[in-house]
Amino acid sequence: MKQYSVVRIKRLKKQFEHSDLTVGTRAPRAGDVATVVDVYDDAFDLECSDDDGSTLWLELFRPDDADLDIVSI
């Protein structure tokens, strides 16, 4: 996984919950397309935006949290 890669969530294996402490307007869902914002040793930040560029969600994912398809690198 590289920074700025675009991925599609095939299946979530972890329950993400939206709250007042999270960034965006909702939690991740299967089918969402997101951009890799940062890559860490054992995790990565994904951001999903709407057509206007507003953040729908920004979450820290670990490799086992979801099945992802790479859309573009």
PDB file of N, CA and C in Angstrom:
ATOM      1  N   MET A   1       0.853  -1.171   0.000  1.00  0.00           N
ATOM      2  CA  MET A   1       0.000   0.000   0.000  1.00  0.00           C
ATOM      3  C   MET A   1       0.898   1.233   0.000  1.00  0.00           C
ATOM      4  N   LYS A   2       0.667   2.127  -0.956  1.00  0.00           N
ATOM      5  CA  LYS A   2       1.474   3.334  -1.065  1.00  0.00           C
ATOM      6  C   LYS A   2       0.610   4.561  -0.798  1.00  0.00           C
ATOM      7  N   GLN A   3       1.258   5.619  -0.324  1.00  0.00           N
ATOM      8  CA  GLN A   3       0.554   6.868  -0.105  1.00  0.00           C
ATOM      9  C   GLN A   3      -0.051   7.344  -1.421  1.00  0.00           C
ATOM     10  N   TYR A   4      -1.276   7.813  -1.350  1.00  0.00           N
ATOM     11  CA  TYR A   4      -2.081   8.332  -2.461  1.00  0.00           C
ATOM     12  C   TYR A   4      -2.632   7.250  -3.389  1.00  0.00           C
ATOM     13  N   SER A   5      -2.436   5.980  -3.045  1.00  0.00           N
ATOM     14  CA  SER A   5      -3.127   4.914  -3.784  1.00  0.00           C
ATOM     15  C   SER A   5      -4.624   5.061  -3.535  1.00  0.00           C
ATOM     16  N   VAL A   6      -5.416   4.613  -4.490  1.00  0.00           N
ATOM     17  CA  VAL A   6      -6.873   4.641  -4.349  1.00  0.00           C
ATOM     18  C   VAL A   6      -7.342   3.194  -4.224  1.00  0.00           C
ATOM     19  N   VAL A   7      -8.193   2.940  -3.225  1.00  0.00           N
ATOM     20  CA  VAL A   7      -8.669   1.586  -2.959  1.00  0.00           C
ATOM     21  C   VAL A   7     -10.195   1.569  -2.855  1.00  0.00           C
ATOM     22  N   ARG A   8     -10.768   0.395  -3.094  1.00  0.00           N
ATOM     23  CA  ARG A   8     -12.203   0.175  -2.901  1.00  0.00           C
ATOM     24  C   ARG A   8     -12.349  -0.862  -1.792  1.00  0.00           C
ATOM     25  N   ILE A   9     -13.254  -0.601  -0.860  1.00  0.00           N
ATOM     26  CA  ILE A   9     -13.500  -1.543   0.228  1.00  0.00           C
ATOM     27  C   ILE A   9     -14.412  -2.648  -0.284  1.00  0.00           C
ATOM     28  N   LYS A  10     -13.884  -3.862  -0.341  1.00  0.00           N
ATOM     29  CA  LYS A  10     -14.689  -5.018  -0.747  1.00  0.00           C
ATOM     30  C   LYS A  10     -15.543  -5.518   0.422  1.00  0.00           C
ATOM     31  N   ARG A  11     -14.898  -5.608   1.607  1.00  0.00           N
ATOM     32  CA  ARG A  11     -15.602  -6.134   2.782  1.00  0.00           C
ATOM     33  C   ARG A  11     -14.936  -5.585   4.031  1.00  0.00           C
ATOM     34  N   LEU A  12     -15.746  -5.126   4.971  1.00  0.00           N
ATOM     35  CA  LEU A  12     -15.230  -4.685   6.257  1.00  0.00           C
ATOM     36  C   LEU A  12     -15.190  -5.878   7.209  1.00  0.00           C
ATOM     37  N   LYS A  13     -14.099  -6.032   7.932  1.00  0.00           N
ATOM     38  CA  LYS A  13     -13.956  -7.096   8.920  1.00  0.00           C
ATOM     39  C   LYS A  13     -13.990  -6.522  10.338  1.00  0.00           C
ATOM     40  N   LYS A  14     -14.088  -5.207  10.438  1.00  0.00           N
ATOM     41  CA  LYS A  14     -14.142  -4.492  11.705  1.00  0.00           C
ATOM     42  C   LYS A  14     -15.303  -3.525  11.645  1.00  0.00           C
ATOM     43  N   GLN A  15     -15.978  -3.348  12.752  1.00  0.00           N
ATOM     44  CA  GLN A  15     -17.076  -2.392  12.835  1.00  0.00           C
ATOM     45  C   GLN A  15     -16.514  -1.004  13.133  1.00  0.00           C
ATOM     46  N   PHE A  16     -16.664  -0.071  12.203  1.00  0.00           N
ATOM     47  CA  PHE A  16     -16.266   1.317  12.416  1.00  0.00           C
ATOM     48  C   PHE A  16     -17.519   2.086  12.820  1.00  0.00           C
ATOM     49  N   GLU A  17     -17.387   2.979  13.794  1.00  0.00           N
ATOM     50  CA  GLU A  17     -18.529   3.747  14.277  1.00  0.00           C
ATOM     51  C   GLU A  17     -18.247   5.235  14.128  1.00  0.00           C
ATOM     52  N   HIS A  18     -19.214   5.956  13.616  1.00  0.00           N
ATOM     53  CA  HIS A  18     -19.090   7.410  13.512  1.00  0.00           C
ATOM     54  C   HIS A  18     -19.493   8.018  14.847  1.00  0.00           C
ATOM     55  N   SER A  19     -18.723   9.007  15.299  1.00  0.00           N
ATOM     56  CA  SER A  19     -19.055   9.719  16.537  1.00  0.00           C
ATOM     57  C   SER A  19     -18.619  11.173  16.398  1.00  0.00           C
ATOM     58  N   ASP A  20     -18.832  11.942  17.451  1.00  0.00           N
ATOM     59  CA  ASP A  20     -18.408  13.343  17.446  1.00  0.00           C
ATOM     60  C   ASP A  20     -16.889  13.473  17.416  1.00  0.00           C
ATOM     61  N   LEU A  21     -16.174  12.404  17.744  1.00  0.00           N
ATOM     62  CA  LEU A  21     -14.715  12.438  17.786  1.00  0.00           C
ATOM     63  C   LEU A  21     -14.073  12.016  16.469  1.00  0.00           C
ATOM     64  N   THR A  22     -14.870  11.520  15.516  1.00  0.00           N
ATOM     65  CA  THR A  22     -14.318  11.076  14.243  1.00  0.00           C
ATOM     66  C   THR A  22     -14.435  12.180  13.196  1.00  0.00           C
ATOM     67  N   VAL A  23     -13.611  12.065  12.163  1.00  0.00           N
ATOM     68  CA  VAL A  23     -13.613  13.041  11.073  1.00  0.00           C
ATOM     69  C   VAL A  23     -14.584  12.571  10.001  1.00  0.00           C
ATOM     70  N   GLY A  24     -15.425  13.485   9.520  1.00  0.00           N
ATOM     71  CA  GLY A  24     -16.358  13.163   8.454  1.00  0.00           C
ATOM     72  C   GLY A  24     -17.789  13.075   8.941  1.00  0.00           C
ATOM     73  N   THR A  25     -18.638  12.581   8.046  1.00  0.00           N
ATOM     74  CA  THR A  25     -20.073  12.568   8.337  1.00  0.00           C
ATOM     75  C   THR A  25     -20.641  11.174   8.559  1.00  0.00           C
ATOM     76  N   ARG A  26     -19.825  10.125   8.306  1.00  0.00           N
ATOM     77  CA  ARG A  26     -20.314   8.764   8.498  1.00  0.00           C
ATOM     78  C   ARG A  26     -19.160   7.786   8.623  1.00  0.00           C
ATOM     79  N   ALA A  27     -19.467   6.551   8.899  1.00  0.00           N
ATOM     80  CA  ALA A  27     -18.470   5.493   9.017  1.00  0.00           C
ATOM     81  C   ALA A  27     -18.223   4.843   7.650  1.00  0.00           C
ATOM     82  N   PRO A  28     -17.095   4.166   7.480  1.00  0.00           N
ATOM     83  CA  PRO A  28     -16.815   3.455   6.225  1.00  0.00           C
ATOM     84  C   PRO A  28     -17.842   2.361   5.940  1.00  0.00           C
ATOM     85  N   ARG A  29     -18.066   2.109   4.651  1.00  0.00           N
ATOM     86  CA  ARG A  29     -18.992   1.061   4.194  1.00  0.00           C
ATOM     87  C   ARG A  29     -18.329   0.272   3.067  1.00  0.00           C
ATOM     88  N   ALA A  30     -18.754  -0.962   2.915  1.00  0.00           N
ATOM     89  CA  ALA A  30     -18.311  -1.759   1.770  1.00  0.00           C
ATOM     90  C   ALA A  30     -18.720  -1.025   0.494  1.00  0.00           C
ATOM     91  N   GLY A  31     -17.832  -0.995  -0.489  1.00  0.00           N
ATOM     92  CA  GLY A  31     -18.098  -0.305  -1.745  1.00  0.00           C
ATOM     93  C   GLY A  31     -17.512   1.096  -1.809  1.00  0.00           C
ATOM     94  N   ASP A  32     -17.154   1.666  -0.653  1.00  0.00           N
ATOM     95  CA  ASP A  32     -16.556   3.002  -0.647  1.00  0.00           C
ATOM     96  C   ASP A  32     -15.202   2.989  -1.344  1.00  0.00           C
ATOM     97  N   VAL A  33     -14.889   4.098  -2.007  1.00  0.00           N
ATOM     98  CA  VAL A  33     -13.585   4.297  -2.631  1.00  0.00           C
ATOM     99  C   VAL A  33     -12.860   5.345  -1.787  1.00  0.00           C
ATOM    100  N   ALA A  34     -11.606   5.052  -1.435  1.00  0.00           N
ATOM    101  CA  ALA A  34     -10.852   5.930  -0.539  1.00  0.00           C
ATOM    102  C   ALA A  34      -9.412   6.077  -1.014  1.00  0.00           C
ATOM    103  N   THR A  35      -8.768   7.123  -0.530  1.00  0.00           N
ATOM    104  CA  THR A  35      -7.366   7.398  -0.838  1.00  0.00           C
ATOM    105  C   THR A  35      -6.517   7.115   0.400  1.00  0.00           C
ATOM    106  N   VAL A  36      -5.348   6.502   0.177  1.00  0.00           N
ATOM    107  CA  VAL A  36      -4.402   6.271   1.265  1.00  0.00           C
ATOM    108  C   VAL A  36      -3.723   7.605   1.560  1.00  0.00           C
ATOM    109  N   VAL A  37      -3.966   8.143   2.753  1.00  0.00           N
ATOM    110  CA  VAL A  37      -3.429   9.449   3.128  1.00  0.00           C
ATOM    111  C   VAL A  37      -2.039   9.307   3.752  1.00  0.00           C
ATOM    112  N   ASP A  38      -1.878   8.357   4.657  1.00  0.00           N
ATOM    113  CA  ASP A  38      -0.593   8.102   5.309  1.00  0.00           C
ATOM    114  C   ASP A  38      -0.398   6.611   5.468  1.00  0.00           C
ATOM    115  N   VAL A  39       0.854   6.181   5.443  1.00  0.00           N
ATOM    116  CA  VAL A  39       1.198   4.773   5.638  1.00  0.00           C
ATOM    117  C   VAL A  39       2.129   4.676   6.837  1.00  0.00           C
ATOM    118  N   TYR A  40       1.798   3.780   7.764  1.00  0.00           N
ATOM    119  CA  TYR A  40       2.605   3.551   8.961  1.00  0.00           C
ATOM    120  C   TYR A  40       3.145   2.121   8.909  1.00  0.00           C
ATOM    121  N   ASP A  41       3.922   1.728   9.911  1.00  0.00           N
ATOM    122  CA  ASP A  41       4.502   0.381   9.938  1.00  0.00           C
ATOM    123  C   ASP A  41       3.439  -0.710   9.872  1.00  0.00           C
ATOM    124  N   ASP A  42       2.347  -0.552  10.630  1.00  0.00           N
ATOM    125  CA  ASP A  42       1.345  -1.615  10.699  1.00  0.00           C
ATOM    126  C   ASP A  42      -0.076  -1.111  10.456  1.00  0.00           C
ATOM    127  N   ALA A  43      -0.213   0.058   9.813  1.00  0.00           N
ATOM    128  CA  ALA A  43      -1.545   0.628   9.572  1.00  0.00           C
ATOM    129  C   ALA A  43      -1.454   1.711   8.497  1.00  0.00           C
ATOM    130  N   PHE A  44      -2.621   2.224   8.114  1.00  0.00           N
ATOM    131  CA  PHE A  44      -2.665   3.308   7.137  1.00  0.00           C
ATOM    132  C   PHE A  44      -3.944   4.097   7.340  1.00  0.00           C
ATOM    133  N   ASP A  45      -3.891   5.394   7.037  1.00  0.00           N
ATOM    134  CA  ASP A  45      -5.069   6.253   7.088  1.00  0.00           C
ATOM    135  C   ASP A  45      -5.724   6.242   5.723  1.00  0.00           C
ATOM    136  N   LEU A  46      -7.038   6.027   5.701  1.00  0.00           N
ATOM    137  CA  LEU A  46      -7.820   6.103   4.472  1.00  0.00           C
ATOM    138  C   LEU A  46      -8.824   7.242   4.599  1.00  0.00           C
ATOM    139  N   GLU A  47      -8.997   7.997   3.505  1.00  0.00           N
ATOM    140  CA  GLU A  47      -9.993   9.058   3.470  1.00  0.00           C
ATOM    141  C   GLU A  47     -10.908   8.852   2.283  1.00  0.00           C
ATOM    142  N   CYS A  48     -12.207   8.937   2.550  1.00  0.00           N
ATOM    143  CA  CYS A  48     -13.237   8.845   1.517  1.00  0.00           C
ATOM    144  C   CYS A  48     -13.916  10.207   1.421  1.00  0.00           C
ATOM    145  N   SER A  49     -14.018  10.730   0.202  1.00  0.00           N
ATOM    146  CA  SER A  49     -14.625  12.044  -0.009  1.00  0.00           C
ATOM    147  C   SER A  49     -15.802  11.936  -0.962  1.00  0.00           C
ATOM    148  N   ASP A  50     -16.722  12.903  -0.859  1.00  0.00           N
ATOM    149  CA  ASP A  50     -17.836  12.932  -1.800  1.00  0.00           C
ATOM    150  C   ASP A  50     -17.409  13.641  -3.083  1.00  0.00           C
ATOM    151  N   ASP A  51     -18.337  13.804  -4.017  1.00  0.00           N
ATOM    152  CA  ASP A  51     -18.019  14.407  -5.314  1.00  0.00           C
ATOM    153  C   ASP A  51     -17.553  15.858  -5.208  1.00  0.00           C
ATOM    154  N   ASP A  52     -17.934  16.538  -4.120  1.00  0.00           N
ATOM    155  CA  ASP A  52     -17.529  17.929  -3.904  1.00  0.00           C
ATOM    156  C   ASP A  52     -16.187  18.039  -3.183  1.00  0.00           C
ATOM    157  N   GLY A  53     -15.611  16.893  -2.772  1.00  0.00           N
ATOM    158  CA  GLY A  53     -14.334  16.903  -2.059  1.00  0.00           C
ATOM    159  C   GLY A  53     -14.458  16.966  -0.552  1.00  0.00           C
ATOM    160  N   SER A  54     -15.687  16.961  -0.038  1.00  0.00           N
ATOM    161  CA  SER A  54     -15.885  16.961   1.415  1.00  0.00           C
ATOM    162  C   SER A  54     -15.618  15.565   1.971  1.00  0.00           C
ATOM    163  N   THR A  55     -14.989  15.499   3.127  1.00  0.00           N
ATOM    164  CA  THR A  55     -14.637  14.220   3.735  1.00  0.00           C
ATOM    165  C   THR A  55     -15.875  13.510   4.270  1.00  0.00           C
ATOM    166  N   LEU A  56     -16.118  12.299   3.758  1.00  0.00           N
ATOM    167  CA  LEU A  56     -17.185  11.457   4.309  1.00  0.00           C
ATOM    168  C   LEU A  56     -16.684  10.737   5.556  1.00  0.00           C
ATOM    169  N   TRP A  57     -15.453  10.244   5.484  1.00  0.00           N
ATOM    170  CA  TRP A  57     -14.812   9.630   6.651  1.00  0.00           C
ATOM    171  C   TRP A  57     -13.306   9.594   6.466  1.00  0.00           C
ATOM    172  N   LEU A  58     -12.591   9.588   7.581  1.00  0.00           N
ATOM    173  CA  LEU A  58     -11.139   9.453   7.642  1.00  0.00           C
ATOM    174  C   LEU A  58     -10.860   8.517   8.801  1.00  0.00           C
ATOM    175  N   GLU A  59     -10.297   7.346   8.498  1.00  0.00           N
ATOM    176  CA  GLU A  59     -10.107   6.314   9.524  1.00  0.00           C
ATOM    177  C   GLU A  59      -8.740   5.661   9.412  1.00  0.00           C
ATOM    178  N   LEU A  60      -8.255   5.197  10.546  1.00  0.00           N
ATOM    179  CA  LEU A  60      -7.045   4.390  10.602  1.00  0.00           C
ATOM    180  C   LEU A  60      -7.438   2.934  10.377  1.00  0.00           C
ATOM    181  N   PHE A  61      -6.841   2.315   9.377  1.00  0.00           N
ATOM    182  CA  PHE A  61      -7.100   0.912   9.059  1.00  0.00           C
ATOM    183  C   PHE A  61      -5.848   0.091   9.338  1.00  0.00           C
ATOM    184  N   ARG A  62      -6.034  -1.086   9.863  1.00  0.00           N
ATOM    185  CA  ARG A  62      -4.971  -2.087   9.966  1.00  0.00           C
ATOM    186  C   ARG A  62      -5.232  -3.104   8.856  1.00  0.00           C
ATOM    187  N   PRO A  63      -4.230  -3.846   8.427  1.00  0.00           N
ATOM    188  CA  PRO A  63      -4.413  -4.771   7.299  1.00  0.00           C
ATOM    189  C   PRO A  63      -5.578  -5.755   7.459  1.00  0.00           C
ATOM    190  N   ASP A  64      -5.891  -6.166   8.677  1.00  0.00           N
ATOM    191  CA  ASP A  64      -6.970  -7.134   8.894  1.00  0.00           C
ATOM    192  C   ASP A  64      -8.352  -6.499   9.059  1.00  0.00           C
ATOM    193  N   ASP A  65      -8.463  -5.186   8.955  1.00  0.00           N
ATOM    194  CA  ASP A  65      -9.750  -4.501   9.151  1.00  0.00           C
ATOM    195  C   ASP A  65     -10.690  -4.607   7.959  1.00  0.00           C
ATOM    196  N   ALA A  66     -10.144  -4.856   6.767  1.00  0.00           N
ATOM    197  CA  ALA A  66     -10.983  -4.875   5.565  1.00  0.00           C
ATOM    198  C   ALA A  66     -10.281  -5.588   4.422  1.00  0.00           C
ATOM    199  N   ASP A  67     -11.081  -6.077   3.491  1.00  0.00           N
ATOM    200  CA  ASP A  67     -10.560  -6.566   2.216  1.00  0.00           C
ATOM    201  C   ASP A  67     -10.648  -5.398   1.235  1.00  0.00           C
ATOM    202  N   LEU A  68      -9.518  -5.052   0.625  1.00  0.00           N
ATOM    203  CA  LEU A  68      -9.451  -3.899  -0.252  1.00  0.00           C
ATOM    204  C   LEU A  68      -9.002  -4.298  -1.649  1.00  0.00           C
ATOM    205  N   ASP A  69      -9.541  -3.614  -2.647  1.00  0.00           N
ATOM    206  CA  ASP A  69      -9.063  -3.729  -4.030  1.00  0.00           C
ATOM    207  C   ASP A  69      -8.341  -2.434  -4.359  1.00  0.00           C
ATOM    208  N   ILE A  70      -7.179  -2.528  -4.964  1.00  0.00           N
ATOM    209  CA  ILE A  70      -6.465  -1.332  -5.390  1.00  0.00           C
ATOM    210  C   ILE A  70      -7.062  -0.875  -6.723  1.00  0.00           C
ATOM    211  N   VAL A  71      -7.524   0.374  -6.753  1.00  0.00           N
ATOM    212  CA  VAL A  71      -8.110   0.973  -7.951  1.00  0.00           C
ATOM    213  C   VAL A  71      -7.014   1.611  -8.789  1.00  0.00           C
ATOM    214  N   SER A  72      -6.120   2.347  -8.126  1.00  0.00           N
ATOM    215  CA  SER A  72      -4.971   2.939  -8.817  1.00  0.00           C
ATOM    216  C   SER A  72      -3.841   3.176  -7.813  1.00  0.00           C
ATOM    217  N   ILE A  73      -2.635   3.153  -8.343  1.00  0.00           N
ATOM    218  CA  ILE A  73      -1.460   3.336  -7.481  1.00  0.00           C
ATOM    219  C   ILE A  73      -0.861   4.706  -7.728  1.00  0.00           C
TER     220      ILE A  73
END
